[in-house]
């Protein structure tokens, strides 16, 4: 299951399966925006991940 594999990625603090366009959502916490690229690259290497989409929470 993709959600379980996502939880093993450093910076992922929550991951869960969803229905619809994507199979899972991973919430990450990073110190700065440049770290997002590193985490995304690691997630894209997971077997079964075909595509990612990044959304940034704004306050």
N, C-alpha and C. Protein backbone atom coordinates (compact mmCIF):
# COMPACT_ATOMS: atom_id res chain seq x y z
N UNK A 1 0.84 -1.18 0.00
CA UNK A 1 0.00 0.00 0.00
C UNK A 1 0.88 1.25 0.00
N UNK A 2 0.59 2.16 -0.89
CA UNK A 2 1.40 3.37 -1.06
C UNK A 2 1.44 4.21 0.22
N UNK A 3 0.32 4.37 0.89
CA UNK A 3 0.27 5.21 2.09
C UNK A 3 1.24 4.71 3.15
N UNK A 4 1.35 3.40 3.30
CA UNK A 4 2.28 2.83 4.28
C UNK A 4 3.73 3.11 3.88
N UNK A 5 4.03 3.03 2.61
CA UNK A 5 5.39 3.31 2.13
C UNK A 5 5.73 4.78 2.32
N UNK A 6 4.75 5.65 2.13
CA UNK A 6 4.99 7.08 2.30
C UNK A 6 5.39 7.42 3.73
N UNK A 7 4.82 6.71 4.70
CA UNK A 7 5.11 6.99 6.11
C UNK A 7 6.58 6.75 6.46
N UNK A 8 7.27 5.98 5.64
CA UNK A 8 8.68 5.68 5.91
C UNK A 8 9.62 6.79 5.43
N UNK A 9 9.09 7.74 4.68
CA UNK A 9 9.89 8.84 4.15
C UNK A 9 10.11 9.89 5.24
N UNK A 10 11.37 10.30 5.38
CA UNK A 10 11.69 11.35 6.35
C UNK A 10 10.88 12.59 6.01
N UNK A 11 10.40 13.28 6.97
CA UNK A 11 9.59 14.49 6.87
C UNK A 11 8.11 14.23 6.69
N UNK A 12 7.71 12.99 6.36
CA UNK A 12 6.28 12.66 6.26
C UNK A 12 5.77 12.40 7.67
N UNK A 13 4.82 13.21 8.13
CA UNK A 13 4.29 13.00 9.48
C UNK A 13 2.89 12.39 9.46
N UNK A 14 2.27 12.34 8.29
CA UNK A 14 0.95 11.72 8.18
C UNK A 14 0.75 11.29 6.74
N UNK A 15 0.17 10.11 6.55
CA UNK A 15 -0.14 9.61 5.22
C UNK A 15 -1.37 8.72 5.31
N UNK A 16 -2.26 8.84 4.33
CA UNK A 16 -3.48 8.04 4.37
C UNK A 16 -4.00 7.83 2.95
N UNK A 17 -4.69 6.71 2.73
CA UNK A 17 -5.28 6.46 1.41
C UNK A 17 -6.49 7.34 1.19
N UNK A 18 -6.74 7.68 -0.07
CA UNK A 18 -7.90 8.48 -0.45
C UNK A 18 -8.51 7.89 -1.72
N UNK A 19 -9.74 8.26 -1.99
CA UNK A 19 -10.36 7.84 -3.24
C UNK A 19 -10.33 9.01 -4.21
N UNK A 20 -10.43 8.72 -5.48
CA UNK A 20 -10.43 9.78 -6.47
C UNK A 20 -9.20 9.73 -7.35
N UNK A 21 -8.75 10.90 -7.76
CA UNK A 21 -7.64 11.01 -8.71
C UNK A 21 -6.35 10.39 -8.18
N UNK A 22 -6.11 10.48 -6.89
CA UNK A 22 -4.88 9.96 -6.29
C UNK A 22 -5.20 8.81 -5.35
N UNK A 23 -4.18 8.02 -5.03
CA UNK A 23 -4.35 6.88 -4.14
C UNK A 23 -4.05 7.22 -2.68
N UNK A 24 -3.21 8.24 -2.47
CA UNK A 24 -2.79 8.56 -1.11
C UNK A 24 -2.41 10.04 -1.00
N UNK A 25 -2.45 10.53 0.23
CA UNK A 25 -1.99 11.87 0.56
C UNK A 25 -0.91 11.73 1.61
N UNK A 26 0.16 12.50 1.46
CA UNK A 26 1.23 12.53 2.45
C UNK A 26 1.38 13.97 2.91
N UNK A 27 1.36 14.17 4.21
CA UNK A 27 1.61 15.49 4.77
C UNK A 27 3.06 15.51 5.25
N UNK A 28 3.78 16.54 4.84
CA UNK A 28 5.18 16.65 5.24
C UNK A 28 5.39 17.94 6.01
N UNK A 29 6.45 17.96 6.79
CA UNK A 29 6.84 19.19 7.47
C UNK A 29 8.31 19.42 7.19
N UNK A 30 8.61 20.57 6.62
CA UNK A 30 9.98 20.93 6.28
C UNK A 30 10.28 22.32 6.82
N UNK A 31 11.56 22.63 6.92
CA UNK A 31 11.98 23.93 7.45
C UNK A 31 11.88 25.03 6.40
N UNK A 32 12.07 24.67 5.13
CA UNK A 32 12.01 25.69 4.08
C UNK A 32 11.53 25.06 2.77
N UNK A 33 11.16 25.89 1.84
CA UNK A 33 10.58 25.41 0.58
C UNK A 33 11.54 24.57 -0.24
N UNK A 34 12.84 24.82 -0.13
CA UNK A 34 13.79 24.05 -0.92
C UNK A 34 13.81 22.57 -0.51
N UNK A 35 13.45 22.27 0.72
CA UNK A 35 13.41 20.89 1.19
C UNK A 35 12.27 20.10 0.54
N UNK A 36 11.25 20.79 0.07
CA UNK A 36 10.12 20.11 -0.57
C UNK A 36 10.60 19.30 -1.76
N UNK A 37 11.51 19.85 -2.54
CA UNK A 37 12.03 19.14 -3.71
C UNK A 37 12.69 17.83 -3.31
N UNK A 38 13.48 17.84 -2.23
CA UNK A 38 14.15 16.62 -1.78
C UNK A 38 13.15 15.55 -1.37
N UNK A 39 12.13 15.95 -0.62
CA UNK A 39 11.12 14.99 -0.17
C UNK A 39 10.32 14.47 -1.36
N UNK A 40 9.96 15.34 -2.26
CA UNK A 40 9.20 14.92 -3.45
C UNK A 40 10.01 13.94 -4.28
N UNK A 41 11.29 14.20 -4.45
CA UNK A 41 12.15 13.29 -5.21
C UNK A 41 12.20 11.92 -4.56
N UNK A 42 12.29 11.88 -3.24
CA UNK A 42 12.30 10.60 -2.52
C UNK A 42 10.98 9.86 -2.69
N UNK A 43 9.87 10.58 -2.61
CA UNK A 43 8.55 9.97 -2.79
C UNK A 43 8.41 9.41 -4.20
N UNK A 44 8.91 10.12 -5.19
CA UNK A 44 8.78 9.67 -6.58
C UNK A 44 9.57 8.39 -6.85
N UNK A 45 10.52 8.06 -6.01
CA UNK A 45 11.31 6.83 -6.16
C UNK A 45 10.60 5.60 -5.60
N UNK A 46 9.51 5.79 -4.86
CA UNK A 46 8.78 4.67 -4.26
C UNK A 46 8.10 3.86 -5.35
N UNK A 47 8.28 2.55 -5.28
CA UNK A 47 7.65 1.65 -6.23
C UNK A 47 6.13 1.82 -6.18
N UNK A 48 5.53 2.06 -7.32
CA UNK A 48 4.09 2.25 -7.39
C UNK A 48 3.67 3.70 -7.53
N UNK A 49 4.56 4.63 -7.22
CA UNK A 49 4.25 6.05 -7.37
C UNK A 49 4.48 6.43 -8.83
N UNK A 50 3.43 6.85 -9.49
CA UNK A 50 3.52 7.23 -10.90
C UNK A 50 3.61 8.74 -11.08
N UNK A 51 3.02 9.49 -10.16
CA UNK A 51 2.94 10.94 -10.31
C UNK A 51 2.70 11.55 -8.94
N UNK A 52 3.19 12.76 -8.75
CA UNK A 52 2.94 13.48 -7.51
C UNK A 52 2.40 14.87 -7.83
N UNK A 53 1.71 15.42 -6.87
CA UNK A 53 1.25 16.81 -6.96
C UNK A 53 1.52 17.45 -5.61
N UNK A 54 2.13 18.62 -5.62
CA UNK A 54 2.50 19.30 -4.39
C UNK A 54 1.59 20.48 -4.14
N UNK A 55 1.11 20.59 -2.91
CA UNK A 55 0.31 21.73 -2.48
C UNK A 55 0.94 22.27 -1.20
N UNK A 56 1.03 23.57 -1.09
CA UNK A 56 1.66 24.21 0.06
C UNK A 56 0.59 24.91 0.88
N UNK A 57 0.57 24.61 2.18
CA UNK A 57 -0.37 25.28 3.08
C UNK A 57 0.12 26.69 3.33
N UNK A 58 -0.78 27.64 3.23
CA UNK A 58 -0.43 29.03 3.52
C UNK A 58 -1.25 29.50 4.71
N UNK A 59 -0.64 30.32 5.50
CA UNK A 59 -1.33 30.81 6.70
C UNK A 59 -1.58 32.29 6.60
